[in-house]
Amino acid sequence: MKLKERTKARELRKRGFSLKQITSSLEVSKGSVSAWVRDIELSTDLLANIRNQLRLAREKARITRLSRIAKRNIELYSKCKDEMLPFSKRDLWIAGVMLYAGEGYKTSDVSNQHIELTNSDPNILQVFIKFLLNSCGVLKGKIKIRLILYEDINPKEAQKYWSNELNIPFKQFQNPFIKKSYRNIPTRHRRRAEFGTAHINVYDVKIYRKVLAWLQAIYEYNNLDFNKLGE
């Protein structure tokens, strides 16, 4: 038996050291330390101190872990930014068409064909508006915004938020659609957006058909050999 280590372990335990601290200090196994000190009863104050030290240690470890993750994310972002940028007009064109593929309104009803894209993320809608202005030649004044809000969301605050985010004046906002709120029902709408969702509308059938034609052209290349892309 490691008599010296056992004696020191018991001394440290009586002073309120945790098993982990003793193990680290003496460089012995946790099992040995536990066996050596199991009969030692600690006062309420010492037990509270140990629990507090453990809590602080866990918090320190959490902060360290998050710091490392943040550092890796910053490094990854820098690398990906260099790979992606600068963003060309053609890049914006393709990005806008693909956004419409995933989020855009599509109909076979000829009488109701118009551009409409919905999302709760202003970043996505900002990109789409740039696509409309730069790739489709839409005049900014023709862009209309309609908000979908829950009844407990203040319409004026929501309109102000989206107007600032999208740089679209109030006069181009349509009457919002208000629906019943489920905020007080457990598990319902936990991820709902604070200011609702925004619909970007452009009532121009020619632009609608053009975007759908661009999209169809992309679909025709779904078997494209991407290894030869750009040759």
C-alpha atoms as a PDB file:
ATOM      1  CA  MET A   1       0.000   0.000   0.000  1.00  0.00           C
ATOM      2  CA  LYS A   2       1.179   3.498  -0.752  1.00  0.00           C
ATOM      3  CA  LEU A   3       1.200   4.636   2.872  1.00  0.00           C
ATOM      4  CA  LYS A   4       2.574   8.110   2.148  1.00  0.00           C
ATOM      5  CA  GLU A   5      -0.016   8.791  -0.548  1.00  0.00           C
ATOM      6  CA  ARG A   6      -2.825   7.364   1.596  1.00  0.00           C
ATOM      7  CA  THR A   7      -1.897   9.606   4.515  1.00  0.00           C
ATOM      8  CA  LYS A   8      -1.725  12.670   2.291  1.00  0.00           C
ATOM      9  CA  ALA A   9      -5.028  11.780   0.623  1.00  0.00           C
ATOM     10  CA  ARG A  10      -6.815  11.574   3.967  1.00  0.00           C
ATOM     11  CA  GLU A  11      -5.289  14.861   5.041  1.00  0.00           C
ATOM     12  CA  LEU A  12      -6.479  16.591   1.881  1.00  0.00           C
ATOM     13  CA  ARG A  13      -9.931  15.064   2.151  1.00  0.00           C
ATOM     14  CA  LYS A  14     -10.365  16.331   5.684  1.00  0.00           C
ATOM     15  CA  ARG A  15      -9.485  19.795   4.371  1.00  0.00           C
ATOM     16  CA  GLY A  16     -12.346  19.584   1.864  1.00  0.00           C
ATOM     17  CA  PHE A  17     -10.566  18.553  -1.335  1.00  0.00           C
ATOM     18  CA  SER A  18     -12.628  16.657  -3.907  1.00  0.00           C
ATOM     19  CA  LEU A  19     -11.670  13.151  -5.047  1.00  0.00           C
ATOM     20  CA  LYS A  20     -10.685  14.537  -8.429  1.00  0.00           C
ATOM     21  CA  GLN A  21      -8.435  17.168  -6.885  1.00  0.00           C
ATOM     22  CA  ILE A  22      -6.747  14.597  -4.652  1.00  0.00           C
ATOM     23  CA  THR A  23      -6.278  12.193  -7.562  1.00  0.00           C
ATOM     24  CA  SER A  24      -4.681  14.913  -9.650  1.00  0.00           C
ATOM     25  CA  SER A  25      -2.472  16.153  -6.821  1.00  0.00           C
ATOM     26  CA  LEU A  26      -1.109  12.737  -5.837  1.00  0.00           C
ATOM     27  CA  GLU A  27      -1.136  11.207  -9.328  1.00  0.00           C
ATOM     28  CA  VAL A  28      -2.886   8.057  -8.143  1.00  0.00           C
ATOM     29  CA  SER A  29      -6.069   6.369  -9.313  1.00  0.00           C
ATOM     30  CA  LYS A  30      -9.466   7.670  -8.287  1.00  0.00           C
ATOM     31  CA  GLY A  31     -10.354   4.183  -7.072  1.00  0.00           C
ATOM     32  CA  SER A  32      -7.472   4.190  -4.620  1.00  0.00           C
ATOM     33  CA  VAL A  33      -8.349   7.623  -3.300  1.00  0.00           C
ATOM     34  CA  SER A  34     -11.988   6.657  -2.887  1.00  0.00           C
ATOM     35  CA  ALA A  35     -10.995   3.577  -0.855  1.00  0.00           C
ATOM     36  CA  TRP A  36      -8.612   5.550   1.335  1.00  0.00           C
ATOM     37  CA  VAL A  37     -11.046   8.298   2.314  1.00  0.00           C
ATOM     38  CA  ARG A  38     -14.473   6.624   2.196  1.00  0.00           C
ATOM     39  CA  ASP A  39     -14.803   6.602   6.004  1.00  0.00           C
ATOM     40  CA  ILE A  40     -14.163  10.329   6.346  1.00  0.00           C
ATOM     41  CA  GLU A  41     -17.326  12.305   7.027  1.00  0.00           C
ATOM     42  CA  LEU A  42     -17.214  15.910   5.941  1.00  0.00           C
ATOM     43  CA  SER A  43     -19.069  18.817   7.474  1.00  0.00           C
ATOM     44  CA  THR A  44     -21.948  20.458   5.648  1.00  0.00           C
ATOM     45  CA  ASP A  45     -19.773  23.480   4.859  1.00  0.00           C
ATOM     46  CA  LEU A  46     -16.993  21.351   3.367  1.00  0.00           C
ATOM     47  CA  LEU A  47     -19.473  19.348   1.274  1.00  0.00           C
ATOM     48  CA  ALA A  48     -21.003  22.599   0.016  1.00  0.00           C
ATOM     49  CA  ASN A  49     -17.532  23.887  -0.816  1.00  0.00           C
ATOM     50  CA  ILE A  50     -16.718  20.713  -2.786  1.00  0.00           C
ATOM     51  CA  ARG A  51     -19.974  20.962  -4.727  1.00  0.00           C
ATOM     52  CA  ASN A  52     -19.236  24.600  -5.483  1.00  0.00           C
ATOM     53  CA  GLN A  53     -15.736  23.744  -6.705  1.00  0.00           C
ATOM     54  CA  LEU A  54     -17.157  21.022  -8.935  1.00  0.00           C
ATOM     55  CA  ARG A  55     -19.708  23.457 -10.332  1.00  0.00           C
ATOM     56  CA  LEU A  56     -17.006  26.035 -11.034  1.00  0.00           C
ATOM     57  CA  ALA A  57     -14.810  23.391 -12.644  1.00  0.00           C
ATOM     58  CA  ARG A  58     -17.649  22.285 -14.924  1.00  0.00           C
ATOM     59  CA  GLU A  59     -18.394  25.880 -15.857  1.00  0.00           C
ATOM     60  CA  LYS A  60     -14.724  26.546 -16.595  1.00  0.00           C
ATOM     61  CA  ALA A  61     -14.581  23.420 -18.764  1.00  0.00           C
ATOM     62  CA  ARG A  62     -17.744  24.501 -20.582  1.00  0.00           C
ATOM     63  CA  ILE A  63     -16.361  27.970 -21.280  1.00  0.00           C
ATOM     64  CA  THR A  64     -13.068  26.495 -22.493  1.00  0.00           C
ATOM     65  CA  ARG A  65     -14.903  24.091 -24.787  1.00  0.00           C
ATOM     66  CA  LEU A  66     -17.106  26.832 -26.219  1.00  0.00           C
ATOM     67  CA  SER A  67     -14.055  29.041 -26.725  1.00  0.00           C
ATOM     68  CA  ARG A  68     -12.329  26.307 -28.707  1.00  0.00           C
ATOM     69  CA  ILE A  69     -15.445  25.728 -30.797  1.00  0.00           C
ATOM     70  CA  ALA A  70     -15.754  29.469 -31.468  1.00  0.00           C
ATOM     71  CA  LYS A  71     -12.108  29.647 -32.527  1.00  0.00           C
ATOM     72  CA  ARG A  72     -12.532  26.699 -34.908  1.00  0.00           C
ATOM     73  CA  ASN A  73     -15.692  28.264 -36.341  1.00  0.00           C
ATOM     74  CA  ILE A  74     -13.893  31.562 -36.958  1.00  0.00           C
ATOM     75  CA  GLU A  75     -11.071  29.744 -38.732  1.00  0.00           C
ATOM     76  CA  LEU A  76     -13.576  27.729 -40.791  1.00  0.00           C
ATOM     77  CA  TYR A  77     -15.535  30.851 -41.718  1.00  0.00           C
ATOM     78  CA  SER A  78     -12.389  32.640 -42.842  1.00  0.00           C
ATOM     79  CA  LYS A  79     -11.408  29.703 -45.042  1.00  0.00           C
ATOM     80  CA  CYS A  80     -14.896  29.319 -46.523  1.00  0.00           C
ATOM     81  CA  LYS A  81     -15.199  33.053 -47.116  1.00  0.00           C
ATOM     82  CA  ASP A  82     -11.989  33.013 -49.146  1.00  0.00           C
ATOM     83  CA  GLU A  83     -13.336  30.050 -51.134  1.00  0.00           C
ATOM     84  CA  MET A  84     -16.737  31.634 -51.800  1.00  0.00           C
ATOM     85  CA  LEU A  85     -16.028  35.327 -52.344  1.00  0.00           C
ATOM     86  CA  PRO A  86     -16.064  37.501 -54.344  1.00  0.00           C
ATOM     87  CA  PHE A  87     -19.700  36.809 -55.286  1.00  0.00           C
ATOM     88  CA  SER A  88     -20.341  37.425 -58.979  1.00  0.00           C
ATOM     89  CA  LYS A  89     -23.562  38.509 -60.682  1.00  0.00           C
ATOM     90  CA  ARG A  90     -23.928  34.986 -62.049  1.00  0.00           C
ATOM     91  CA  ASP A  91     -23.498  33.545 -58.551  1.00  0.00           C
ATOM     92  CA  LEU A  92     -26.334  35.783 -57.344  1.00  0.00           C
ATOM     93  CA  TRP A  93     -28.455  34.734 -60.312  1.00  0.00           C
ATOM     94  CA  ILE A  94     -28.058  31.018 -59.567  1.00  0.00           C
ATOM     95  CA  ALA A  95     -28.488  31.564 -55.818  1.00  0.00           C
ATOM     96  CA  GLY A  96     -31.758  33.410 -56.366  1.00  0.00           C
ATOM     97  CA  VAL A  97     -33.151  30.758 -58.697  1.00  0.00           C
ATOM     98  CA  MET A  98     -32.279  27.985 -56.255  1.00  0.00           C
ATOM     99  CA  LEU A  99     -33.826  29.912 -53.370  1.00  0.00           C
ATOM    100  CA  TYR A 100     -37.006  30.055 -55.400  1.00  0.00           C
ATOM    101  CA  ALA A 101     -36.757  26.340 -56.088  1.00  0.00           C
ATOM    102  CA  GLY A 102     -36.865  25.639 -52.373  1.00  0.00           C
ATOM    103  CA  GLU A 103     -38.990  28.447 -50.935  1.00  0.00           C
ATOM    104  CA  GLY A 104     -40.863  30.030 -53.839  1.00  0.00           C
ATOM    105  CA  TYR A 105     -44.547  29.929 -54.733  1.00  0.00           C
ATOM    106  CA  LYS A 106     -45.371  27.829 -57.786  1.00  0.00           C
ATOM    107  CA  THR A 107     -48.740  27.286 -59.434  1.00  0.00           C
ATOM    108  CA  SER A 108     -50.278  26.004 -62.632  1.00  0.00           C
ATOM    109  CA  ASP A 109     -53.124  28.507 -62.240  1.00  0.00           C
ATOM    110  CA  VAL A 110     -52.373  31.015 -64.990  1.00  0.00           C
ATOM    111  CA  SER A 111     -54.554  33.681 -63.388  1.00  0.00           C
ATOM    112  CA  ASN A 112     -52.538  33.654 -60.150  1.00  0.00           C
ATOM    113  CA  GLN A 113     -48.938  33.464 -61.364  1.00  0.00           C
ATOM    114  CA  HIS A 114     -46.674  35.856 -59.461  1.00  0.00           C
ATOM    115  CA  ILE A 115     -43.354  35.860 -57.635  1.00  0.00           C
ATOM    116  CA  GLU A 116     -43.727  34.974 -53.962  1.00  0.00           C
ATOM    117  CA  LEU A 117     -41.061  33.756 -51.548  1.00  0.00           C
ATOM    118  CA  THR A 118     -41.584  33.242 -47.824  1.00  0.00           C
ATOM    119  CA  ASN A 119     -39.138  32.947 -44.955  1.00  0.00           C
ATOM    120  CA  SER A 120     -38.547  34.035 -41.371  1.00  0.00           C
ATOM    121  CA  ASP A 121     -34.807  34.603 -41.936  1.00  0.00           C
ATOM    122  CA  PRO A 122     -34.114  38.164 -43.135  1.00  0.00           C
ATOM    123  CA  ASN A 123     -30.717  37.097 -44.529  1.00  0.00           C
ATOM    124  CA  ILE A 124     -32.399  34.769 -47.015  1.00  0.00           C
ATOM    125  CA  LEU A 125     -34.910  37.415 -48.013  1.00  0.00           C
ATOM    126  CA  GLN A 126     -32.179  40.034 -48.431  1.00  0.00           C
ATOM    127  CA  VAL A 127     -30.379  37.786 -50.917  1.00  0.00           C
ATOM    128  CA  PHE A 128     -33.622  37.173 -52.792  1.00  0.00           C
ATOM    129  CA  ILE A 129     -34.388  40.883 -53.023  1.00  0.00           C
ATOM    130  CA  LYS A 130     -30.915  41.499 -54.471  1.00  0.00           C
ATOM    131  CA  PHE A 131     -31.666  38.738 -56.988  1.00  0.00           C
ATOM    132  CA  LEU A 132     -34.928  40.415 -57.973  1.00  0.00           C
ATOM    133  CA  LEU A 133     -33.273  43.810 -58.407  1.00  0.00           C
ATOM    134  CA  ASN A 134     -30.054  42.733 -60.117  1.00  0.00           C
ATOM    135  CA  SER A 135     -30.922  39.532 -61.989  1.00  0.00           C
ATOM    136  CA  CYS A 136     -34.598  40.050 -62.802  1.00  0.00           C
ATOM    137  CA  GLY A 137     -34.601  43.811 -63.329  1.00  0.00           C
ATOM    138  CA  VAL A 138     -37.466  44.329 -60.863  1.00  0.00           C
ATOM    139  CA  LEU A 139     -37.989  47.928 -59.772  1.00  0.00           C
ATOM    140  CA  LYS A 140     -37.740  48.229 -56.005  1.00  0.00           C
ATOM    141  CA  GLY A 141     -41.106  49.987 -55.835  1.00  0.00           C
ATOM    142  CA  LYS A 142     -42.822  46.883 -57.267  1.00  0.00           C
ATOM    143  CA  ILE A 143     -41.760  44.682 -54.341  1.00  0.00           C
ATOM    144  CA  LYS A 144     -44.563  44.098 -51.865  1.00  0.00           C
ATOM    145  CA  ILE A 145     -44.228  42.595 -48.392  1.00  0.00           C
ATOM    146  CA  ARG A 146     -46.939  40.690 -46.553  1.00  0.00           C
ATOM    147  CA  LEU A 147     -46.368  39.513 -42.991  1.00  0.00           C
ATOM    148  CA  ILE A 148     -47.804  36.385 -41.387  1.00  0.00           C
ATOM    149  CA  LEU A 149     -48.092  37.057 -37.670  1.00  0.00           C
ATOM    150  CA  TYR A 150     -49.465  35.392 -34.575  1.00  0.00           C
ATOM    151  CA  GLU A 151     -52.111  37.363 -32.720  1.00  0.00           C
ATOM    152  CA  ASP A 152     -49.755  38.155 -29.823  1.00  0.00           C
ATOM    153  CA  ILE A 153     -47.172  39.812 -32.116  1.00  0.00           C
ATOM    154  CA  ASN A 154     -47.444  43.585 -32.376  1.00  0.00           C
ATOM    155  CA  PRO A 155     -48.040  44.328 -36.100  1.00  0.00           C
ATOM    156  CA  LYS A 156     -46.389  47.769 -35.981  1.00  0.00           C
ATOM    157  CA  GLU A 157     -43.253  46.431 -34.296  1.00  0.00           C
ATOM    158  CA  ALA A 158     -43.089  43.541 -36.773  1.00  0.00           C
ATOM    159  CA  GLN A 159     -43.512  45.880 -39.729  1.00  0.00           C
ATOM    160  CA  LYS A 160     -40.781  48.167 -38.398  1.00  0.00           C
ATOM    161  CA  TYR A 161     -38.441  45.215 -37.939  1.00  0.00           C
ATOM    162  CA  TRP A 162     -38.962  43.849 -41.450  1.00  0.00           C
ATOM    163  CA  SER A 163     -38.852  47.301 -43.040  1.00  0.00           C
ATOM    164  CA  ASN A 164     -35.423  47.908 -41.475  1.00  0.00           C
ATOM    165  CA  GLU A 165     -34.113  44.441 -42.300  1.00  0.00           C
ATOM    166  CA  LEU A 166     -35.268  44.406 -45.923  1.00  0.00           C
ATOM    167  CA  ASN A 167     -34.907  48.139 -46.601  1.00  0.00           C
ATOM    168  CA  ILE A 168     -38.467  48.280 -47.921  1.00  0.00           C
ATOM    169  CA  PRO A 169     -40.650  51.321 -46.982  1.00  0.00           C
ATOM    170  CA  PHE A 170     -43.892  50.917 -45.021  1.00  0.00           C
ATOM    171  CA  LYS A 171     -46.008  51.938 -47.998  1.00  0.00           C
ATOM    172  CA  GLN A 172     -45.027  48.704 -49.785  1.00  0.00           C
ATOM    173  CA  PHE A 173     -46.353  46.512 -46.968  1.00  0.00           C
ATOM    174  CA  GLN A 174     -49.682  44.790 -47.479  1.00  0.00           C
ATOM    175  CA  ASN A 175     -52.166  44.080 -44.693  1.00  0.00           C
ATOM    176  CA  PRO A 176     -50.706  41.336 -42.460  1.00  0.00           C
ATOM    177  CA  PHE A 177     -52.352  37.958 -41.996  1.00  0.00           C
ATOM    178  CA  ILE A 178     -52.993  37.297 -38.305  1.00  0.00           C
ATOM    179  CA  LYS A 179     -53.385  33.750 -37.026  1.00  0.00           C
ATOM    180  CA  LYS A 180     -54.096  32.210 -33.648  1.00  0.00           C
ATOM    181  CA  SER A 181     -51.196  32.026 -31.219  1.00  0.00           C
ATOM    182  CA  TYR A 182     -50.125  28.778 -29.551  1.00  0.00           C
ATOM    183  CA  ARG A 183     -47.471  30.351 -27.349  1.00  0.00           C
ATOM    184  CA  ASN A 184     -48.989  28.941 -24.132  1.00  0.00           C
ATOM    185  CA  ILE A 185     -49.366  25.394 -25.422  1.00  0.00           C
ATOM    186  CA  PRO A 186     -46.345  23.184 -24.530  1.00  0.00           C
ATOM    187  CA  THR A 187     -44.170  22.037 -27.461  1.00  0.00           C
ATOM    188  CA  ARG A 188     -46.081  24.178 -29.976  1.00  0.00           C
ATOM    189  CA  HIS A 189     -44.180  26.733 -32.048  1.00  0.00           C
ATOM    190  CA  ARG A 190     -41.060  26.673 -29.920  1.00  0.00           C
ATOM    191  CA  ARG A 191     -39.013  27.855 -32.872  1.00  0.00           C
ATOM    192  CA  ARG A 192     -41.421  30.430 -34.199  1.00  0.00           C
ATOM    193  CA  ALA A 193     -39.920  33.708 -35.332  1.00  0.00           C
ATOM    194  CA  GLU A 194     -40.268  36.661 -32.971  1.00  0.00           C
ATOM    195  CA  PHE A 195     -41.543  38.937 -35.743  1.00  0.00           C
ATOM    196  CA  GLY A 196     -43.364  36.363 -37.840  1.00  0.00           C
ATOM    197  CA  THR A 197     -42.599  35.417 -41.422  1.00  0.00           C
ATOM    198  CA  ALA A 198     -42.405  37.709 -44.428  1.00  0.00           C
ATOM    199  CA  HIS A 199     -43.727  37.071 -47.928  1.00  0.00           C
ATOM    200  CA  ILE A 200     -41.939  38.881 -50.750  1.00  0.00           C
ATOM    201  CA  ASN A 201     -44.362  39.442 -53.626  1.00  0.00           C
ATOM    202  CA  VAL A 202     -43.848  40.761 -57.140  1.00  0.00           C
ATOM    203  CA  TYR A 203     -47.008  40.747 -59.238  1.00  0.00           C
ATOM    204  CA  ASP A 204     -45.433  40.291 -62.676  1.00  0.00           C
ATOM    205  CA  VAL A 205     -46.336  37.146 -64.596  1.00  0.00           C
ATOM    206  CA  LYS A 206     -43.504  37.607 -67.101  1.00  0.00           C
ATOM    207  CA  ILE A 207     -40.847  37.606 -64.369  1.00  0.00           C
ATOM    208  CA  TYR A 208     -42.544  34.652 -62.697  1.00  0.00           C
ATOM    209  CA  ARG A 209     -42.400  32.627 -65.919  1.00  0.00           C
ATOM    210  CA  LYS A 210     -38.802  33.669 -66.529  1.00  0.00           C
ATOM    211  CA  VAL A 211     -37.689  32.470 -63.072  1.00  0.00           C
ATOM    212  CA  LEU A 212     -39.510  29.156 -63.589  1.00  0.00           C
ATOM    213  CA  ALA A 213     -37.838  28.789 -67.005  1.00  0.00           C
ATOM    214  CA  TRP A 214     -34.398  29.390 -65.463  1.00  0.00           C
ATOM    215  CA  LEU A 215     -35.233  26.810 -62.841  1.00  0.00           C
ATOM    216  CA  GLN A 216     -36.317  24.306 -65.470  1.00  0.00           C
ATOM    217  CA  ALA A 217     -33.040  24.851 -67.311  1.00  0.00           C
ATOM    218  CA  ILE A 218     -31.164  23.945 -64.131  1.00  0.00           C
ATOM    219  CA  TYR A 219     -33.326  20.861 -63.649  1.00  0.00           C
ATOM    220  CA  GLU A 220     -32.342  19.696 -67.143  1.00  0.00           C
ATOM    221  CA  TYR A 221     -28.738  19.463 -65.921  1.00  0.00           C
ATOM    222  CA  ASN A 222     -29.494  17.239 -62.947  1.00  0.00           C
ATOM    223  CA  ASN A 223     -27.274  14.537 -64.455  1.00  0.00           C
ATOM    224  CA  LEU A 224     -24.443  16.951 -65.187  1.00  0.00           C
ATOM    225  CA  ASP A 225     -20.896  15.667 -64.648  1.00  0.00           C
ATOM    226  CA  PHE A 226     -19.757  18.275 -62.162  1.00  0.00           C
ATOM    227  CA  ASN A 227     -16.131  17.191 -62.566  1.00  0.00           C
ATOM    228  CA  LYS A 228     -16.223  18.870 -65.983  1.00  0.00           C
ATOM    229  CA  LEU A 229     -17.988  21.994 -64.778  1.00  0.00           C
ATOM    230  CA  GLY A 230     -16.116  25.128 -65.776  1.00  0.00           C
ATOM    231  CA  GLU A 231     -13.980  23.475 -68.479  1.00  0.00           C
END
